[in-house]
Amino acid sequence: KYRDIEKLQSKVAILGRWESQHYEISIEDNGIGIEEKEIQSI
């Protein structure tokens, strides 16, 4: 939903990998992003 319509291609990547004490899975996009001051409140 919060993709960047100004970009030619909108992408979402779901990545997973092992770390020493956990398994890490992340959802990454190339959307419009969020200001740093607001990231802790989302």
ModelCIF file with pLDDT and N, C-alpha, C, O atoms, coordinates in Angstrom:
data_MODEL
#
_entry.id   MODEL 
#
_entity.id                         1 
_entity.type                       polymer 
_entity.pdbx_number_of_molecules   1 
#
_entity_poly.entity_id                      1 
_entity_poly.type                           'polypeptide(L)' 
_entity_poly.nstd_linkage                   no 
_entity_poly.nstd_monomer                   no 
_entity_poly.pdbx_seq_one_letter_code       KYRDIEKLQSKVAILGRWESQHYEISIEDNGIGIEEKEIQSI 
_entity_poly.pdbx_seq_one_letter_code_can   KYRDIEKLQSKVAILGRWESQHYEISIEDNGIGIEEKEIQSI 
_entity_poly.pdbx_strand_id                 A 
#
loop_
_entity_poly_seq.entity_id 
_entity_poly_seq.num 
_entity_poly_seq.mon_id 
_entity_poly_seq.hetero 
1 1  LYS n 
1 2  TYR n 
1 3  ARG n 
1 4  ASP n 
1 5  ILE n 
1 6  GLU n 
1 7  LYS n 
1 8  LEU n 
1 9  GLN n 
1 10 SER n 
1 11 LYS n 
1 12 VAL n 
1 13 ALA n 
1 14 ILE n 
1 15 LEU n 
1 16 GLY n 
1 17 ARG n 
1 18 TRP n 
1 19 GLU n 
1 20 SER n 
1 21 GLN n 
1 22 HIS n 
1 23 TYR n 
1 24 GLU n 
1 25 ILE n 
1 26 SER n 
1 27 ILE n 
1 28 GLU n 
1 29 ASP n 
1 30 ASN n 
1 31 GLY n 
1 32 ILE n 
1 33 GLY n 
1 34 ILE n 
1 35 GLU n 
1 36 GLU n 
1 37 LYS n 
1 38 GLU n 
1 39 ILE n 
1 40 GLN n 
1 41 SER n 
1 42 ILE n 
#
_struct_asym.id          A 
_struct_asym.entity_id   1 
#
loop_
_ma_qa_metric.id 
_ma_qa_metric.mode 
_ma_qa_metric.name 
_ma_qa_metric.software_group_id 
_ma_qa_metric.type 
1 global pLDDT . pLDDT 
2 local  pLDDT . pLDDT 
#
_ma_qa_metric_global.metric_id      1 
_ma_qa_metric_global.metric_value   88.62 
_ma_qa_metric_global.model_id       1 
_ma_qa_metric_global.ordinal_id     1 
#
loop_
_ma_qa_metric_local.label_asym_id 
_ma_qa_metric_local.label_comp_id 
_ma_qa_metric_local.label_seq_id 
_ma_qa_metric_local.metric_id 
_ma_qa_metric_local.metric_value 
_ma_qa_metric_local.model_id 
_ma_qa_metric_local.ordinal_id 
A LYS 1  2 89.00 1 1  
A TYR 2  2 88.00 1 2  
A ARG 3  2 91.00 1 3  
A ASP 4  2 89.00 1 4  
A ILE 5  2 88.00 1 5  
A GLU 6  2 87.00 1 6  
A LYS 7  2 89.00 1 7  
A LEU 8  2 87.00 1 8  
A GLN 9  2 91.00 1 9  
A SER 10 2 92.00 1 10 
A LYS 11 2 93.00 1 11 
A VAL 12 2 94.00 1 12 
A ALA 13 2 95.00 1 13 
A ILE 14 2 95.00 1 14 
A LEU 15 2 95.00 1 15 
A GLY 16 2 94.00 1 16 
A ARG 17 2 94.00 1 17 
A TRP 18 2 93.00 1 18 
A GLU 19 2 89.00 1 19 
A SER 20 2 84.00 1 20 
A GLN 21 2 85.00 1 21 
A HIS 22 2 92.00 1 22 
A TYR 23 2 94.00 1 23 
A GLU 24 2 94.00 1 24 
A ILE 25 2 95.00 1 25 
A SER 26 2 94.00 1 26 
A ILE 27 2 94.00 1 27 
A GLU 28 2 94.00 1 28 
A ASP 29 2 93.00 1 29 
A ASN 30 2 92.00 1 30 
A GLY 31 2 90.00 1 31 
A ILE 32 2 90.00 1 32 
A GLY 33 2 88.00 1 33 
A ILE 34 2 86.00 1 34 
A GLU 35 2 84.00 1 35 
A GLU 36 2 80.00 1 36 
A LYS 37 2 79.00 1 37 
A GLU 38 2 79.00 1 38 
A ILE 39 2 78.00 1 39 
A GLN 40 2 75.00 1 40 
A SER 41 2 71.00 1 41 
A ILE 42 2 78.00 1 42 
#
loop_
_atom_site.group_PDB 
_atom_site.id 
_atom_site.type_symbol 
_atom_site.label_atom_id 
_atom_site.label_alt_id 
_atom_site.label_comp_id 
_atom_site.label_asym_id 
_atom_site.label_entity_id 
_atom_site.label_seq_id 
_atom_site.pdbx_PDB_ins_code 
_atom_site.Cartn_x 
_atom_site.Cartn_y 
_atom_site.Cartn_z 
_atom_site.occupancy 
_atom_site.B_iso_or_equiv 
_atom_site.pdbx_formal_charge 
_atom_site.auth_seq_id 
_atom_site.auth_comp_id 
_atom_site.auth_asym_id 
_atom_site.auth_atom_id 
_atom_site.pdbx_PDB_model_num 
ATOM 1   N N  . LYS A 1 1  ? 0.824  -1.215  0.000   1.00 89.00 ? 1  LYS A N  1 
ATOM 2   C CA . LYS A 1 1  ? 0.000  0.000   0.000   1.00 89.00 ? 1  LYS A CA 1 
ATOM 3   C C  . LYS A 1 1  ? 0.857  1.264   0.000   1.00 89.00 ? 1  LYS A C  1 
ATOM 4   O O  . LYS A 1 1  ? 0.516  2.250   -0.652  1.00 89.00 ? 1  LYS A O  1 
ATOM 5   N N  . TYR A 1 2  ? 1.965  1.230   0.730   1.00 88.00 ? 2  TYR A N  1 
ATOM 6   C CA . TYR A 1 2  ? 2.789  2.432   0.847   1.00 88.00 ? 2  TYR A CA 1 
ATOM 7   C C  . TYR A 1 2  ? 3.981  2.380   -0.101  1.00 88.00 ? 2  TYR A C  1 
ATOM 8   O O  . TYR A 1 2  ? 5.094  2.768   0.252   1.00 88.00 ? 2  TYR A O  1 
ATOM 9   N N  . ARG A 1 3  ? 3.721  1.892   -1.315  1.00 91.00 ? 3  ARG A N  1 
ATOM 10  C CA . ARG A 1 3  ? 4.744  1.877   -2.353  1.00 91.00 ? 3  ARG A CA 1 
ATOM 11  C C  . ARG A 1 3  ? 4.989  3.301   -2.843  1.00 91.00 ? 3  ARG A C  1 
ATOM 12  O O  . ARG A 1 3  ? 4.179  4.200   -2.618  1.00 91.00 ? 3  ARG A O  1 
ATOM 13  N N  . ASP A 1 4  ? 6.084  3.480   -3.494  1.00 89.00 ? 4  ASP A N  1 
ATOM 14  C CA . ASP A 1 4  ? 6.426  4.793   -4.060  1.00 89.00 ? 4  ASP A CA 1 
ATOM 15  C C  . ASP A 1 4  ? 6.012  4.792   -5.544  1.00 89.00 ? 4  ASP A C  1 
ATOM 16  O O  . ASP A 1 4  ? 6.660  4.166   -6.382  1.00 89.00 ? 4  ASP A O  1 
ATOM 17  N N  . ILE A 1 5  ? 4.911  5.511   -5.844  1.00 88.00 ? 5  ILE A N  1 
ATOM 18  C CA . ILE A 1 5  ? 4.362  5.484   -7.202  1.00 88.00 ? 5  ILE A CA 1 
ATOM 19  C C  . ILE A 1 5  ? 5.265  6.203   -8.209  1.00 88.00 ? 5  ILE A C  1 
ATOM 20  O O  . ILE A 1 5  ? 5.079  6.094   -9.421  1.00 88.00 ? 5  ILE A O  1 
ATOM 21  N N  . GLU A 1 6  ? 6.254  6.948   -7.673  1.00 87.00 ? 6  GLU A N  1 
ATOM 22  C CA . GLU A 1 6  ? 7.166  7.650   -8.569  1.00 87.00 ? 6  GLU A CA 1 
ATOM 23  C C  . GLU A 1 6  ? 8.244  6.718   -9.109  1.00 87.00 ? 6  GLU A C  1 
ATOM 24  O O  . GLU A 1 6  ? 8.939  7.066   -10.063 1.00 87.00 ? 6  GLU A O  1 
ATOM 25  N N  . LYS A 1 7  ? 8.392  5.518   -8.500  1.00 89.00 ? 7  LYS A N  1 
ATOM 26  C CA . LYS A 1 7  ? 9.408  4.576   -8.951  1.00 89.00 ? 7  LYS A CA 1 
ATOM 27  C C  . LYS A 1 7  ? 8.838  3.681   -10.051 1.00 89.00 ? 7  LYS A C  1 
ATOM 28  O O  . LYS A 1 7  ? 7.647  3.372   -10.064 1.00 89.00 ? 7  LYS A O  1 
ATOM 29  N N  . LEU A 1 8  ? 9.697  3.281   -10.956 1.00 87.00 ? 8  LEU A N  1 
ATOM 30  C CA . LEU A 1 8  ? 9.275  2.467   -12.086 1.00 87.00 ? 8  LEU A CA 1 
ATOM 31  C C  . LEU A 1 8  ? 8.784  1.091   -11.648 1.00 87.00 ? 8  LEU A C  1 
ATOM 32  O O  . LEU A 1 8  ? 7.816  0.570   -12.202 1.00 87.00 ? 8  LEU A O  1 
ATOM 33  N N  . GLN A 1 9  ? 9.446  0.505   -10.659 1.00 91.00 ? 9  GLN A N  1 
ATOM 34  C CA . GLN A 1 9  ? 9.094  -0.834  -10.210 1.00 91.00 ? 9  GLN A CA 1 
ATOM 35  C C  . GLN A 1 9  ? 9.008  -0.856  -8.676  1.00 91.00 ? 9  GLN A C  1 
ATOM 36  O O  . GLN A 1 9  ? 9.947  -0.463  -7.984  1.00 91.00 ? 9  GLN A O  1 
ATOM 37  N N  . SER A 1 10 ? 7.854  -1.329  -8.157  1.00 92.00 ? 10 SER A N  1 
ATOM 38  C CA . SER A 1 10 ? 7.686  -1.489  -6.700  1.00 92.00 ? 10 SER A CA 1 
ATOM 39  C C  . SER A 1 10 ? 8.017  -2.932  -6.336  1.00 92.00 ? 10 SER A C  1 
ATOM 40  O O  . SER A 1 10 ? 7.546  -3.871  -6.978  1.00 92.00 ? 10 SER A O  1 
ATOM 41  N N  . LYS A 1 11 ? 8.828  -3.093  -5.305  1.00 93.00 ? 11 LYS A N  1 
ATOM 42  C CA . LYS A 1 11 ? 9.287  -4.424  -4.918  1.00 93.00 ? 11 LYS A CA 1 
ATOM 43  C C  . LYS A 1 11 ? 9.073  -4.663  -3.424  1.00 93.00 ? 11 LYS A C  1 
ATOM 44  O O  . LYS A 1 11 ? 9.163  -3.748  -2.606  1.00 93.00 ? 11 LYS A O  1 
ATOM 45  N N  . VAL A 1 12 ? 8.785  -5.927  -3.096  1.00 94.00 ? 12 VAL A N  1 
ATOM 46  C CA . VAL A 1 12 ? 8.719  -6.390  -1.713  1.00 94.00 ? 12 VAL A CA 1 
ATOM 47  C C  . VAL A 1 12 ? 9.507  -7.685  -1.636  1.00 94.00 ? 12 VAL A C  1 
ATOM 48  O O  . VAL A 1 12 ? 9.235  -8.628  -2.379  1.00 94.00 ? 12 VAL A O  1 
ATOM 49  N N  . ALA A 1 13 ? 10.479 -7.735  -0.744  1.00 95.00 ? 13 ALA A N  1 
ATOM 50  C CA . ALA A 1 13 ? 11.311 -8.930  -0.578  1.00 95.00 ? 13 ALA A CA 1 
ATOM 51  C C  . ALA A 1 13 ? 11.117 -9.499  0.828   1.00 95.00 ? 13 ALA A C  1 
ATOM 52  O O  . ALA A 1 13 ? 11.193 -8.776  1.822   1.00 95.00 ? 13 ALA A O  1 
ATOM 53  N N  . ILE A 1 14 ? 10.867 -10.802 0.891   1.00 95.00 ? 14 ILE A N  1 
ATOM 54  C CA . ILE A 1 14 ? 10.727 -11.498 2.175   1.00 95.00 ? 14 ILE A CA 1 
ATOM 55  C C  . ILE A 1 14 ? 11.949 -12.403 2.324   1.00 95.00 ? 14 ILE A C  1 
ATOM 56  O O  . ILE A 1 14 ? 12.064 -13.420 1.640   1.00 95.00 ? 14 ILE A O  1 
ATOM 57  N N  . LEU A 1 15 ? 12.851 -12.028 3.215   1.00 95.00 ? 15 LEU A N  1 
ATOM 58  C CA . LEU A 1 15 ? 14.146 -12.675 3.332   1.00 95.00 ? 15 LEU A CA 1 
ATOM 59  C C  . LEU A 1 15 ? 14.270 -13.370 4.684   1.00 95.00 ? 15 LEU A C  1 
ATOM 60  O O  . LEU A 1 15 ? 13.779 -12.868 5.695   1.00 95.00 ? 15 LEU A O  1 
ATOM 61  N N  . GLY A 1 16 ? 14.926 -14.521 4.696   1.00 94.00 ? 16 GLY A N  1 
ATOM 62  C CA . GLY A 1 16 ? 15.134 -15.250 5.951   1.00 94.00 ? 16 GLY A CA 1 
ATOM 63  C C  . GLY A 1 16 ? 16.535 -15.807 6.031   1.00 94.00 ? 16 GLY A C  1 
ATOM 64  O O  . GLY A 1 16 ? 17.091 -16.261 5.030   1.00 94.00 ? 16 GLY A O  1 
ATOM 65  N N  . ARG A 1 17 ? 17.114 -15.773 7.235   1.00 94.00 ? 17 ARG A N  1 
ATOM 66  C CA . ARG A 1 17 ? 18.459 -16.309 7.414   1.00 94.00 ? 17 ARG A CA 1 
ATOM 67  C C  . ARG A 1 17 ? 18.661 -16.699 8.881   1.00 94.00 ? 17 ARG A C  1 
ATOM 68  O O  . ARG A 1 17 ? 17.978 -16.206 9.779   1.00 94.00 ? 17 ARG A O  1 
ATOM 69  N N  . TRP A 1 18 ? 19.623 -17.600 9.087   1.00 93.00 ? 18 TRP A N  1 
ATOM 70  C CA . TRP A 1 18 ? 19.954 -18.052 10.434  1.00 93.00 ? 18 TRP A CA 1 
ATOM 71  C C  . TRP A 1 18 ? 20.966 -17.106 11.074  1.00 93.00 ? 18 TRP A C  1 
ATOM 72  O O  . TRP A 1 18 ? 21.918 -16.668 10.428  1.00 93.00 ? 18 TRP A O  1 
ATOM 73  N N  . GLU A 1 19 ? 20.751 -16.801 12.332  1.00 89.00 ? 19 GLU A N  1 
ATOM 74  C CA . GLU A 1 19 ? 21.736 -16.109 13.161  1.00 89.00 ? 19 GLU A CA 1 
ATOM 75  C C  . GLU A 1 19 ? 22.086 -17.039 14.320  1.00 89.00 ? 19 GLU A C  1 
ATOM 76  O O  . GLU A 1 19 ? 21.511 -18.120 14.448  1.00 89.00 ? 19 GLU A O  1 
ATOM 77  N N  . SER A 1 20 ? 23.036 -16.614 15.168  1.00 84.00 ? 20 SER A N  1 
ATOM 78  C CA . SER A 1 20 ? 23.539 -17.512 16.223  1.00 84.00 ? 20 SER A CA 1 
ATOM 79  C C  . SER A 1 20 ? 22.456 -17.912 17.215  1.00 84.00 ? 20 SER A C  1 
ATOM 80  O O  . SER A 1 20 ? 22.394 -19.071 17.624  1.00 84.00 ? 20 SER A O  1 
ATOM 81  N N  . GLN A 1 21 ? 21.601 -16.971 17.608  1.00 85.00 ? 21 GLN A N  1 
ATOM 82  C CA . GLN A 1 21 ? 20.612 -17.248 18.652  1.00 85.00 ? 21 GLN A CA 1 
ATOM 83  C C  . GLN A 1 21 ? 19.175 -17.204 18.151  1.00 85.00 ? 21 GLN A C  1 
ATOM 84  O O  . GLN A 1 21 ? 18.250 -17.360 18.948  1.00 85.00 ? 21 GLN A O  1 
ATOM 85  N N  . HIS A 1 22 ? 18.964 -16.999 16.878  1.00 92.00 ? 22 HIS A N  1 
ATOM 86  C CA . HIS A 1 22 ? 17.593 -16.873 16.371  1.00 92.00 ? 22 HIS A CA 1 
ATOM 87  C C  . HIS A 1 22 ? 17.569 -17.037 14.851  1.00 92.00 ? 22 HIS A C  1 
ATOM 88  O O  . HIS A 1 22 ? 18.602 -17.071 14.181  1.00 92.00 ? 22 HIS A O  1 
ATOM 89  N N  . TYR A 1 23 ? 16.344 -17.135 14.343  1.00 94.00 ? 23 TYR A N  1 
ATOM 90  C CA . TYR A 1 23 ? 16.142 -17.083 12.890  1.00 94.00 ? 23 TYR A CA 1 
ATOM 91  C C  . TYR A 1 23 ? 15.533 -15.728 12.580  1.00 94.00 ? 23 TYR A C  1 
ATOM 92  O O  . TYR A 1 23 ? 14.576 -15.303 13.227  1.00 94.00 ? 23 TYR A O  1 
ATOM 93  N N  . GLU A 1 24 ? 16.091 -15.057 11.590  1.00 94.00 ? 24 GLU A N  1 
ATOM 94  C CA . GLU A 1 24 ? 15.681 -13.685 11.279  1.00 94.00 ? 24 GLU A CA 1 
ATOM 95  C C  . GLU A 1 24 ? 14.938 -13.668 9.953   1.00 94.00 ? 24 GLU A C  1 
ATOM 96  O O  . GLU A 1 24 ? 15.443 -14.141 8.935   1.00 94.00 ? 24 GLU A O  1 
ATOM 97  N N  . ILE A 1 25 ? 13.731 -13.116 9.981   1.00 95.00 ? 25 ILE A N  1 
ATOM 98  C CA . ILE A 1 25 ? 12.952 -12.965 8.748   1.00 95.00 ? 25 ILE A CA 1 
ATOM 99  C C  . ILE A 1 25 ? 12.558 -11.501 8.622   1.00 95.00 ? 25 ILE A C  1 
ATOM 100 O O  . ILE A 1 25 ? 12.086 -10.891 9.581   1.00 95.00 ? 25 ILE A O  1 
ATOM 101 N N  . SER A 1 26 ? 12.755 -10.943 7.430   1.00 94.00 ? 26 SER A N  1 
ATOM 102 C CA . SER A 1 26 ? 12.492 -9.517  7.233   1.00 94.00 ? 26 SER A CA 1 
ATOM 103 C C  . SER A 1 26 ? 11.648 -9.291  5.990   1.00 94.00 ? 26 SER A C  1 
ATOM 104 O O  . SER A 1 26 ? 11.726 -10.035 5.012   1.00 94.00 ? 26 SER A O  1 
ATOM 105 N N  . ILE A 1 27 ? 10.837 -8.239  6.057   1.00 94.00 ? 27 ILE A N  1 
ATOM 106 C CA . ILE A 1 27 ? 10.011 -7.805  4.928   1.00 94.00 ? 27 ILE A CA 1 
ATOM 107 C C  . ILE A 1 27 ? 10.551 -6.439  4.515   1.00 94.00 ? 27 ILE A C  1 
ATOM 108 O O  . ILE A 1 27 ? 10.436 -5.469  5.263   1.00 94.00 ? 27 ILE A O  1 
ATOM 109 N N  . GLU A 1 28 ? 11.136 -6.366  3.332   1.00 94.00 ? 28 GLU A N  1 
ATOM 110 C CA . GLU A 1 28 ? 11.755 -5.134  2.850   1.00 94.00 ? 28 GLU A CA 1 
ATOM 111 C C  . GLU A 1 28 ? 11.001 -4.633  1.621   1.00 94.00 ? 28 GLU A C  1 
ATOM 112 O O  . GLU A 1 28 ? 10.560 -5.415  0.778   1.00 94.00 ? 28 GLU A O  1 
ATOM 113 N N  . ASP A 1 29 ? 10.866 -3.308  1.540   1.00 93.00 ? 29 ASP A N  1 
ATOM 114 C CA . ASP A 1 29 ? 10.227 -2.716  0.354   1.00 93.00 ? 29 ASP A CA 1 
ATOM 115 C C  . ASP A 1 29 ? 11.034 -1.510  -0.104  1.00 93.00 ? 29 ASP A C  1 
ATOM 116 O O  . ASP A 1 29 ? 11.920 -1.037  0.608   1.00 93.00 ? 29 ASP A O  1 
ATOM 117 N N  . ASN A 1 30 ? 10.724 -1.026  -1.279  1.00 92.00 ? 30 ASN A N  1 
ATOM 118 C CA . ASN A 1 30 ? 11.357 0.197   -1.797  1.00 92.00 ? 30 ASN A CA 1 
ATOM 119 C C  . ASN A 1 30 ? 10.331 1.311   -1.887  1.00 92.00 ? 30 ASN A C  1 
ATOM 120 O O  . ASN A 1 30 ? 10.321 2.104   -2.828  1.00 92.00 ? 30 ASN A O  1 
ATOM 121 N N  . GLY A 1 31 ? 9.459  1.350   -0.870  1.00 90.00 ? 31 GLY A N  1 
ATOM 122 C CA . GLY A 1 31 ? 8.371  2.323   -0.857  1.00 90.00 ? 31 GLY A CA 1 
ATOM 123 C C  . GLY A 1 31 ? 8.792  3.699   -0.402  1.00 90.00 ? 31 GLY A C  1 
ATOM 124 O O  . GLY A 1 31 ? 9.963  4.069   -0.481  1.00 90.00 ? 31 GLY A O  1 
ATOM 125 N N  . ILE A 1 32 ? 7.816  4.452   0.076   1.00 90.00 ? 32 ILE A N  1 
ATOM 126 C CA . ILE A 1 32 ? 8.052  5.873   0.388   1.00 90.00 ? 32 ILE A CA 1 
ATOM 127 C C  . ILE A 1 32 ? 8.835  6.063   1.689   1.00 90.00 ? 32 ILE A C  1 
ATOM 128 O O  . ILE A 1 32 ? 9.370  7.144   1.932   1.00 90.00 ? 32 ILE A O  1 
ATOM 129 N N  . GLY A 1 33 ? 8.908  5.013   2.538   1.00 88.00 ? 33 GLY A N  1 
ATOM 130 C CA . GLY A 1 33 ? 9.700  5.094   3.761   1.00 88.00 ? 33 GLY A CA 1 
ATOM 131 C C  . GLY A 1 33 ? 9.026  5.892   4.864   1.00 88.00 ? 33 GLY A C  1 
ATOM 132 O O  . GLY A 1 33 ? 7.933  6.433   4.693   1.00 88.00 ? 33 GLY A O  1 
ATOM 133 N N  . ILE A 1 34 ? 9.716  5.950   6.010   1.00 86.00 ? 34 ILE A N  1 
ATOM 134 C CA . ILE A 1 34 ? 9.186  6.615   7.207   1.00 86.00 ? 34 ILE A CA 1 
ATOM 135 C C  . ILE A 1 34 ? 10.287 7.487   7.801   1.00 86.00 ? 34 ILE A C  1 
ATOM 136 O O  . ILE A 1 34 ? 11.459 7.112   7.803   1.00 86.00 ? 34 ILE A O  1 
ATOM 137 N N  . GLU A 1 35 ? 9.897  8.650   8.302   1.00 84.00 ? 35 GLU A N  1 
ATOM 138 C CA . GLU A 1 35 ? 10.863 9.527   8.958   1.00 84.00 ? 35 GLU A CA 1 
ATOM 139 C C  . GLU A 1 35 ? 11.441 8.846   10.204  1.00 84.00 ? 35 GLU A C  1 
ATOM 140 O O  . GLU A 1 35 ? 10.753 8.084   10.883  1.00 84.00 ? 35 GLU A O  1 
ATOM 141 N N  . GLU A 1 36 ? 12.714 9.134   10.494  1.00 80.00 ? 36 GLU A N  1 
ATOM 142 C CA . GLU A 1 36 ? 13.402 8.490   11.622  1.00 80.00 ? 36 GLU A CA 1 
ATOM 143 C C  . GLU A 1 36 ? 12.704 8.792   12.960  1.00 80.00 ? 36 GLU A C  1 
ATOM 144 O O  . GLU A 1 36 ? 12.633 7.918   13.824  1.00 80.00 ? 36 GLU A O  1 
ATOM 145 N N  . LYS A 1 37 ? 12.195 10.004  13.136  1.00 79.00 ? 37 LYS A N  1 
ATOM 146 C CA . LYS A 1 37 ? 11.566 10.393  14.390  1.00 79.00 ? 37 LYS A CA 1 
ATOM 147 C C  . LYS A 1 37 ? 10.253 9.648   14.644  1.00 79.00 ? 37 LYS A C  1 
ATOM 148 O O  . LYS A 1 37 ? 9.762  9.603   15.771  1.00 79.00 ? 37 LYS A O  1 
ATOM 149 N N  . GLU A 1 38 ? 9.685  9.057   13.562  1.00 79.00 ? 38 GLU A N  1 
ATOM 150 C CA . GLU A 1 38 ? 8.399  8.384   13.684  1.00 79.00 ? 38 GLU A CA 1 
ATOM 151 C C  . GLU A 1 38 ? 8.526  6.860   13.735  1.00 79.00 ? 38 GLU A C  1 
ATOM 152 O O  . GLU A 1 38 ? 7.544  6.168   14.002  1.00 79.00 ? 38 GLU A O  1 
ATOM 153 N N  . ILE A 1 39 ? 9.730  6.333   13.479  1.00 78.00 ? 39 ILE A N  1 
ATOM 154 C CA . ILE A 1 39 ? 9.886  4.880   13.323  1.00 78.00 ? 39 ILE A CA 1 
ATOM 155 C C  . ILE A 1 39 ? 9.558  4.130   14.609  1.00 78.00 ? 39 ILE A C  1 
ATOM 156 O O  . ILE A 1 39 ? 9.065  3.003   14.547  1.00 78.00 ? 39 ILE A O  1 
ATOM 157 N N  . GLN A 1 40 ? 9.826  4.742   15.804  1.00 75.00 ? 40 GLN A N  1 
ATOM 158 C CA . GLN A 1 40 ? 9.582  4.056   17.074  1.00 75.00 ? 40 GLN A CA 1 
ATOM 159 C C  . GLN A 1 40 ? 8.107  4.013   17.452  1.00 75.00 ? 40 GLN A C  1 
ATOM 160 O O  . GLN A 1 40 ? 7.723  3.286   18.368  1.00 75.00 ? 40 GLN A O  1 
ATOM 161 N N  . SER A 1 41 ? 7.274  4.789   16.753  1.00 71.00 ? 41 SER A N  1 
ATOM 162 C CA . SER A 1 41 ? 5.853  4.889   17.126  1.00 71.00 ? 41 SER A CA 1 
ATOM 163 C C  . SER A 1 41 ? 4.923  4.120   16.201  1.00 71.00 ? 41 SER A C  1 
ATOM 164 O O  . SER A 1 41 ? 3.711  4.104   16.415  1.00 71.00 ? 41 SER A O  1 
ATOM 165 N N  . ILE A 1 42 ? 5.470  3.487   15.183  1.00 78.00 ? 42 ILE A N  1 
ATOM 166 C CA . ILE A 1 42 ? 4.590  2.885   14.174  1.00 78.00 ? 42 ILE A CA 1 
ATOM 167 C C  . ILE A 1 42 ? 3.797  1.697   14.726  1.00 78.00 ? 42 ILE A C  1 
ATOM 168 O O  . ILE A 1 42 ? 3.014  1.086   13.999  1.00 78.00 ? 42 ILE A O  1 
#
